Amino acid sequence: MNNSVNTSLFFLFLAILYVISPFVAFVIALLFFKRGVSQFFMIAFAFYFGYQVGPILDLLNHYNNYLTFGNRSLPDLFTDPLVLISGQEPYHILFKFALASIDASDRLFSAFAAAVYAVAFLVFFRQLKPFYIDRMTKMQMAAMILMVVSIDFYWYVGLRFWTGAFLMLAVYMRYVVKGQKTMLLLLPIGILFHYVLILPVVLLYLTLLLKNRNMLLLILVGVSYVFKYIEYGFLNYAGKIPFVNAAFRDKLQAEATVRALKEQANFFRNDGNFIYQHRTDLIFFSVVLILLNLFFRNRNLLRYFPQLFAAVCITLIATNLGYSEYVFYTRMYKLVALLISLYLFLLLSTPEIRKLRFNIVTNMFLLGVALFSLLISLVQIRSSVFNIELWLGNYFVEVPIYEYATKVKF
């Protein structure tokens, strides 16, 4: 009874605070992140954030696509080439159709995109509840923060890929954490959001065969780095495989597509923001250093969560093979960073590893990497988020919607 009353009072407190200052309510929710009420207000803040920032980056393209929906029927939308140009997957069409039914504005479109993304992330995050519900060590907390920020917070703007990826990983974590193999039947849910997620789905299924084959996995990872630095044309080759070509039609094999992707890769890697370009490298290799430290202190390390270790290795192999294709590589490499930081968090949560002592330098290093990664993300879209009204305002004061500044290098 007392617990129910406390929960109700906490909800009321956050609700009042949310009306006055959504950001302050969000900060309080973060401090008590283990509570379901707090997680609700995290979603509420994502809605507010999307509402105030408006459609930017790729979300602006989706919004322009949404404007063509009007009062049209679903069968008509699913067969319209102008609609399908933004993706042939059901999710984005159904999402836009639902918002078109209420004639949502640009702010509401962005708000719902951010809120759904936050829901997908929290569905994934809640699978880790057995590991974060009790008191955590400082290293666990640092690893968890790193995992949370490994994917830039603003990637709701892609609408499809990361929303689907988090739901796919939520299903996979039910298998990793609770051993529910039947949940793996739901892995293809990601494909309903973005067709590219068919590759991670296949890779996660492969972990069933390759878990505990650690030496083979590490050798294949090493070989994949060789292919990475000779810029093996994985996308061009994959497009020639019959079943891949049948699934994606001419998306992969078209010469113009391959040439455009190479030009895009060269532009971003040579002229892009150097620090942001290596943000994922920073996360990945920082975690590798911590994992090596753990391995030398506990040689039985690889016995824990072998399926997740296999997932990290297999995804990294596929990522390296696709290095020459910029969009593919950046998405997959971020997924690797998420998986490896997740793997570190789970390892640090095992009773044997919790007994190990870590000095303050190691703790501060991991936390520093997490906070610096978050700062890099903020700076990357500074034209949209460096506004005092966004962070200290509320719904009564609308922040001007800025178009993405082209001078900010991606």
Foldseek 3Di string as FASTA:
>chain_A
DVVVVVVVVLLVVLVVVCQQFLQVSLVVLVVVVLDPSSLVSVLVLLLLLQLQQFQADLLVVLVVLLVVCAQDDPVVLLPDPSNCVLPNFQVSSVLSNVCNVVPDDRSNSRSVLRSLLSVLQVLLVVLCSVQVVDDADLQLVLLVLLLVPLDQSPVSSSSFQNSLVSNLNSLLSCCLPVVPPVSLVCNCSSCSRPVVCVVLNVQLVCLVVCQPVVVVLVVLLVVLLVLLVVQAAPLCVQCPPVVSCVVVPCCRNDPVNLVVQLVVLCCQVVPFDVCLVCLLVLLVVLLVVVVVVVCVVPVCLCVRSRSLVSSLSSLSSVLSNNNSRPVSNVVSSSVSSSSSSVSVSVSCSDPVNVPDDDDVVSSCSSNVSSVVSNVVSCVLQVVSPVDPCSRSHHPVDRHDHDHGDPVRGD
